[in-house]
Amino acid sequence: MSEACTHDCSTCGSSCSHVEEKDLIAPLNKHSSIKHVYAIMSGKGGVGKSSVTSSLAVAMAKKGYKVGIMDADITGPSIPKAFGLNTRAVGDGENILPELTVTGIKVMSLNLLLENPGDPVVWRGSLVGGVVKQFWSDVLWGDLDYLFIDMPPGTGDVPLTVYQSIPVDGIVVVTSPQDLVSLIVTKAVRMADMMSKPILGVVENYSYFECGNCGEKHYIFGKSNLEQVAGDLGVKILAQIPMDPAMAQAMDNGNVEGLEKNYLDPVADMILEYESK
């Protein structure tokens, strides 16, 4: 692509090397229809991104929508465990069939394809990116209202593949109340801007611990500067989630759908409001 490129490909000859963004989008499985796709990402690991993805999917499903989760954290998948999925996914000769959770959420994760879920995935980036594309093109998702993509931490190969290959409608950034919050959120927001993907806002996990006896909030990691960071970057704070032992236990026991309180219900409402504009 020359420096004089006008980005109007209709005026170019065959020698033009410019590739439009739409040309990079992988074809969706031909037997599937997905209305909305949202990616849940973070600039680093250990911030509870999978719990946010799981809770958001459950919130949407309880509102009556058809929901799926693509576990794009290929080398560190945790979505199947959150939903108590222990069986291996199978195929029908043409498509890979997602596993169904208790409430009917469709899930695809590499851990559902491994003979032993505890086996490490020691692959180079190109292979990992290829699996993500296969999850989009070869999985029989059927008709979905929402597909939530649980992204790996950071801004490397897989996020780049997702943003280039899948028509993502919006991004939810997950962070925690530590000194690195500014760097984490800034990296994620700037990558989204570079890829021209809209950011719905930021969810802060582990914001505080609320005493069950007195109701007082204790800021275990200290109070964050999320409000200032979000203001500087021009992004919305969607939720600040407390450290809840019930949530951790539900994730460990594969019972995220059975939780009485879902902290992501308001965020699901915000997504519906965002789409109505």
Protein backbone atom coordinates (compact mmCIF):
# COMPACT_ATOMS: atom_id res chain seq x y z
CA MET A 1 0.00 0.00 0.00
CA SER A 2 1.52 3.32 -1.05
CA GLU A 3 1.60 6.50 1.03
CA ALA A 4 -0.76 8.05 -1.53
CA CYS A 5 -3.43 5.41 -0.91
CA THR A 6 -6.93 6.91 -0.65
CA HIS A 7 -8.37 3.70 0.89
CA ASP A 8 -10.88 3.66 -1.99
CA CYS A 9 -10.15 0.22 -3.44
CA SER A 10 -12.43 0.80 -6.43
CA THR A 11 -9.82 3.20 -7.86
CA CYS A 12 -6.89 0.79 -7.48
CA GLY A 13 -5.32 -1.53 -9.97
CA SER A 14 -4.34 -5.15 -9.46
CA SER A 15 -0.97 -4.10 -8.03
CA CYS A 16 -2.54 -2.66 -4.86
CA SER A 17 -1.54 -4.64 -1.77
CA HIS A 18 -4.07 -3.02 0.56
CA VAL A 19 -6.41 -5.50 2.23
CA GLU A 20 -9.68 -4.17 3.58
CA GLU A 21 -10.65 -5.12 7.12
CA LYS A 22 -13.76 -6.92 5.90
CA ASP A 23 -11.58 -9.25 3.82
CA LEU A 24 -9.99 -10.62 7.01
CA ILE A 25 -13.30 -11.66 8.62
CA ALA A 26 -13.57 -15.45 8.77
CA PRO A 27 -16.84 -16.99 7.52
CA LEU A 28 -19.29 -17.94 10.25
CA ASN A 29 -20.38 -21.57 10.34
CA LYS A 30 -22.84 -21.90 7.48
CA HIS A 31 -25.48 -23.50 9.70
CA SER A 32 -25.27 -20.75 12.31
CA SER A 33 -26.57 -17.23 12.87
CA ILE A 34 -25.19 -14.95 15.59
CA LYS A 35 -26.74 -11.55 16.15
CA HIS A 36 -24.29 -9.97 18.61
CA VAL A 37 -20.69 -10.73 19.59
CA TYR A 38 -18.98 -9.27 22.67
CA ALA A 39 -15.38 -9.85 23.76
CA ILE A 40 -14.33 -9.78 27.40
CA MET A 41 -10.66 -8.85 27.70
CA SER A 42 -8.00 -7.58 30.09
CA GLY A 43 -4.51 -6.21 29.80
CA LYS A 44 -3.27 -8.87 32.27
CA GLY A 45 -4.27 -12.17 33.82
CA GLY A 46 -5.69 -12.96 37.23
CA VAL A 47 -8.45 -10.35 37.24
CA GLY A 48 -11.44 -12.73 37.09
CA LYS A 49 -12.16 -12.31 33.41
CA SER A 50 -13.70 -15.78 33.05
CA SER A 51 -16.03 -15.20 36.00
CA VAL A 52 -17.21 -11.97 34.37
CA THR A 53 -17.74 -13.75 31.04
CA SER A 54 -19.64 -16.60 32.71
CA SER A 55 -21.82 -14.31 34.81
CA LEU A 56 -22.63 -12.07 31.86
CA ALA A 57 -23.66 -15.08 29.75
CA VAL A 58 -25.85 -16.39 32.58
CA ALA A 59 -27.46 -12.97 33.03
CA MET A 60 -28.39 -12.81 29.33
CA ALA A 61 -29.65 -16.39 29.29
CA LYS A 62 -31.94 -15.70 32.27
CA LYS A 63 -33.44 -12.83 30.31
CA GLY A 64 -34.57 -15.35 27.71
CA TYR A 65 -31.85 -14.87 25.09
CA LYS A 66 -30.02 -17.66 23.26
CA VAL A 67 -26.42 -17.45 24.44
CA GLY A 68 -23.06 -19.01 23.63
CA ILE A 69 -19.54 -18.71 25.04
CA MET A 70 -16.37 -19.10 23.00
CA ASP A 71 -13.44 -19.80 25.30
CA ALA A 72 -10.64 -18.13 23.34
CA ASP A 73 -8.16 -18.52 26.19
CA ILE A 74 -6.72 -21.53 24.40
CA THR A 75 -3.75 -22.19 26.69
CA GLY A 76 -5.62 -21.46 29.93
CA PRO A 77 -9.29 -22.39 29.42
CA SER A 78 -11.52 -22.23 32.50
CA ILE A 79 -15.06 -21.77 31.16
CA PRO A 80 -15.95 -25.52 31.15
CA LYS A 81 -15.05 -25.82 34.84
CA ALA A 82 -17.25 -22.84 35.74
CA PHE A 83 -20.25 -24.62 34.22
CA GLY A 84 -19.37 -28.15 35.37
CA LEU A 85 -18.78 -29.45 31.84
CA ASN A 86 -16.71 -32.63 31.96
CA THR A 87 -17.61 -34.40 28.72
CA ARG A 88 -15.75 -34.14 25.42
CA ALA A 89 -17.30 -32.25 22.53
CA VAL A 90 -18.04 -34.31 19.42
CA GLY A 91 -18.62 -33.68 15.74
CA ASP A 92 -21.25 -34.70 13.20
CA GLY A 93 -18.80 -35.26 10.36
CA GLU A 94 -19.03 -31.67 9.21
CA ASN A 95 -19.25 -29.47 12.30
CA ILE A 96 -17.98 -29.39 15.88
CA LEU A 97 -20.91 -29.51 18.30
CA PRO A 98 -20.75 -27.20 21.34
CA GLU A 99 -21.56 -28.54 24.78
CA LEU A 100 -24.71 -27.38 26.55
CA THR A 101 -24.82 -26.12 30.13
CA VAL A 102 -27.66 -26.83 32.54
CA THR A 103 -29.59 -23.75 31.38
CA GLY A 104 -28.84 -24.26 27.69
CA ILE A 105 -25.82 -21.99 27.15
CA LYS A 106 -23.66 -23.29 24.30
CA VAL A 107 -19.95 -23.57 25.14
CA MET A 108 -16.88 -24.31 23.05
CA SER A 109 -13.45 -24.58 24.63
CA LEU A 110 -10.27 -26.42 23.79
CA ASN A 111 -10.59 -28.27 27.09
CA LEU A 112 -13.72 -29.90 25.68
CA LEU A 113 -11.62 -31.37 22.85
CA LEU A 114 -8.63 -32.64 24.84
CA GLU A 115 -8.47 -36.27 25.91
CA ASN A 116 -7.19 -35.10 29.29
CA PRO A 117 -8.27 -31.56 30.36
CA GLY A 118 -5.13 -31.30 32.47
CA ASP A 119 -2.80 -31.64 29.48
CA PRO A 120 -0.92 -28.41 28.65
CA VAL A 121 -1.38 -26.77 25.27
CA VAL A 122 2.16 -26.03 24.12
CA TRP A 123 1.50 -24.36 20.78
CA ARG A 124 2.89 -21.42 18.89
CA GLY A 125 0.74 -18.37 18.23
CA SER A 126 -0.22 -19.29 14.68
CA LEU A 127 -1.77 -22.59 15.81
CA VAL A 128 -3.64 -20.92 18.66
CA GLY A 129 -5.03 -18.28 16.30
CA GLY A 130 -6.11 -21.00 13.89
CA VAL A 131 -8.15 -22.72 16.61
CA VAL A 132 -9.97 -19.47 17.38
CA LYS A 133 -10.97 -19.17 13.72
CA GLN A 134 -12.14 -22.80 13.77
CA PHE A 135 -14.30 -22.06 16.81
CA TRP A 136 -16.02 -19.39 14.71
CA SER A 137 -16.26 -21.24 11.40
CA ASP A 138 -16.47 -24.94 12.30
CA VAL A 139 -18.60 -24.94 15.46
CA LEU A 140 -22.33 -25.44 14.93
CA TRP A 141 -23.55 -22.56 17.09
CA GLY A 142 -27.04 -22.57 15.57
CA ASP A 143 -29.11 -19.45 16.18
CA LEU A 144 -27.66 -17.25 18.94
CA ASP A 145 -28.66 -13.82 20.17
CA TYR A 146 -25.33 -13.36 21.96
CA LEU A 147 -21.89 -14.91 21.74
CA PHE A 148 -19.48 -13.90 24.49
CA ILE A 149 -15.77 -14.46 23.86
CA ASP A 150 -13.57 -15.07 26.88
CA MET A 151 -10.24 -13.66 25.74
CA PRO A 152 -6.77 -14.59 26.98
CA PRO A 153 -4.91 -11.92 28.96
CA GLY A 154 -2.84 -9.33 27.19
CA THR A 155 -2.83 -7.87 23.70
CA GLY A 156 -1.10 -10.61 21.72
CA ASP A 157 -1.89 -13.08 18.95
CA VAL A 158 -5.33 -14.27 20.03
CA PRO A 159 -6.91 -10.85 20.69
CA LEU A 160 -5.51 -9.69 17.36
CA THR A 161 -6.96 -12.76 15.61
CA VAL A 162 -10.34 -12.28 17.27
CA TYR A 163 -10.59 -8.60 16.35
CA GLN A 164 -9.50 -9.22 12.77
CA SER A 165 -11.41 -12.45 12.11
CA ILE A 166 -14.66 -12.09 14.06
CA PRO A 167 -17.16 -9.20 13.78
CA VAL A 168 -17.00 -8.09 17.42
CA ASP A 169 -19.74 -5.61 18.32
CA GLY A 170 -18.20 -4.39 21.54
CA ILE A 171 -15.63 -5.00 24.27
CA VAL A 172 -15.89 -5.23 28.05
CA VAL A 173 -12.57 -4.59 29.79
CA VAL A 174 -11.95 -6.32 33.14
CA THR A 175 -9.51 -5.05 35.73
CA SER A 176 -8.79 -5.12 39.47
CA PRO A 177 -8.11 -2.35 42.04
CA GLN A 178 -4.31 -2.40 42.07
CA ASP A 179 -1.65 0.08 41.09
CA LEU A 180 -1.38 -1.54 37.66
CA VAL A 181 -5.00 -0.66 36.85
CA SER A 182 -4.00 2.36 34.79
CA LEU A 183 -1.58 0.36 32.64
CA ILE A 184 -3.98 -2.59 32.27
CA VAL A 185 -6.96 -0.56 31.17
CA THR A 186 -4.92 1.78 28.97
CA LYS A 187 -3.36 -1.11 27.02
CA ALA A 188 -6.74 -2.77 26.45
CA VAL A 189 -8.46 0.47 25.46
CA ARG A 190 -5.70 1.50 23.07
CA MET A 191 -5.71 -1.90 21.37
CA ALA A 192 -9.48 -1.66 20.90
CA ASP A 193 -9.04 1.82 19.42
CA MET A 194 -6.34 0.55 17.06
CA MET A 195 -8.68 -2.21 15.87
CA SER A 196 -11.67 0.19 15.65
CA LYS A 197 -13.70 -1.82 18.15
CA PRO A 198 -16.09 0.01 20.50
CA ILE A 199 -15.56 -0.35 24.25
CA LEU A 200 -18.73 -0.64 26.31
CA GLY A 201 -16.85 0.05 29.50
CA VAL A 202 -14.81 -1.38 32.36
CA VAL A 203 -15.73 -3.92 35.02
CA GLU A 204 -13.58 -3.81 38.15
CA ASN A 205 -13.35 -7.16 39.92
CA TYR A 206 -12.30 -7.71 43.56
CA SER A 207 -13.18 -4.10 44.33
CA TYR A 208 -13.84 -4.67 48.02
CA PHE A 209 -14.94 -7.22 50.61
CA GLU A 210 -18.24 -6.61 52.38
CA CYS A 211 -18.48 -7.93 55.93
CA GLY A 212 -21.42 -10.30 56.31
CA ASN A 213 -22.01 -9.18 59.91
CA CYS A 214 -21.76 -5.39 59.82
CA GLY A 215 -21.98 -4.65 56.09
CA GLU A 216 -18.82 -2.54 56.16
CA LYS A 217 -16.74 -2.51 52.99
CA HIS A 218 -13.07 -3.39 53.30
CA TYR A 219 -10.78 -2.48 50.40
CA ILE A 220 -8.34 -5.39 50.51
CA PHE A 221 -6.24 -4.14 47.59
CA GLY A 222 -6.75 -0.50 48.52
CA LYS A 223 -9.14 1.84 46.77
CA SER A 224 -8.44 1.95 43.06
CA ASN A 225 -7.99 4.96 40.82
CA LEU A 226 -10.39 3.48 38.25
CA GLU A 227 -12.65 6.51 38.22
CA GLN A 228 -9.78 8.81 37.27
CA VAL A 229 -8.38 6.36 34.69
CA ALA A 230 -11.78 5.75 33.11
CA GLY A 231 -12.39 9.48 32.96
CA ASP A 232 -9.03 10.15 31.34
CA LEU A 233 -9.66 7.46 28.72
CA GLY A 234 -13.28 8.42 28.17
CA VAL A 235 -14.72 5.00 29.05
CA LYS A 236 -17.62 4.08 31.30
CA ILE A 237 -17.38 2.12 34.57
CA LEU A 238 -19.93 -0.67 34.14
CA ALA A 239 -19.61 -2.36 37.54
CA GLN A 240 -17.39 -2.71 40.60
CA ILE A 241 -17.73 -6.28 41.88
CA PRO A 242 -16.87 -7.28 45.46
CA MET A 243 -14.81 -10.28 46.54
CA ASP A 244 -17.58 -12.81 47.10
CA PRO A 245 -16.69 -16.28 48.46
CA ALA A 246 -19.98 -17.60 47.05
CA MET A 247 -18.88 -16.60 43.55
CA ALA A 248 -15.48 -18.27 43.93
CA GLN A 249 -17.07 -21.44 45.27
CA ALA A 250 -19.61 -21.54 42.44
CA MET A 251 -16.85 -21.22 39.83
CA ASP A 252 -14.81 -23.98 41.49
CA ASN A 253 -17.84 -26.28 41.82
CA GLY A 254 -19.13 -25.73 38.30
CA ASN A 255 -22.31 -24.07 39.53
CA VAL A 256 -22.05 -20.52 38.22
CA GLU A 257 -25.61 -20.82 36.89
CA GLY A 258 -26.93 -21.58 40.37
CA LEU A 259 -25.78 -18.36 42.05
CA GLU A 260 -28.63 -16.36 43.59
CA LYS A 261 -26.91 -13.00 43.07
CA ASN A 262 -25.46 -12.08 39.71
CA TYR A 263 -23.39 -8.89 39.81
CA LEU A 264 -23.43 -8.66 36.00
CA ASP A 265 -27.22 -8.24 35.66
CA PRO A 266 -26.86 -4.42 35.38
CA VAL A 267 -24.17 -4.84 32.72
CA ALA A 268 -26.47 -7.09 30.68
CA ASP A 269 -29.09 -4.33 30.86
CA MET A 270 -26.48 -1.79 29.71
CA ILE A 271 -25.68 -3.96 26.68
CA LEU A 272 -29.36 -4.09 25.75
CA GLU A 273 -29.58 -0.32 26.15
CA TYR A 274 -26.41 0.13 24.05
CA GLU A 275 -27.93 -1.90 21.22
CA SER A 276 -31.19 0.04 21.28
CA LYS A 277 -29.44 3.35 20.48
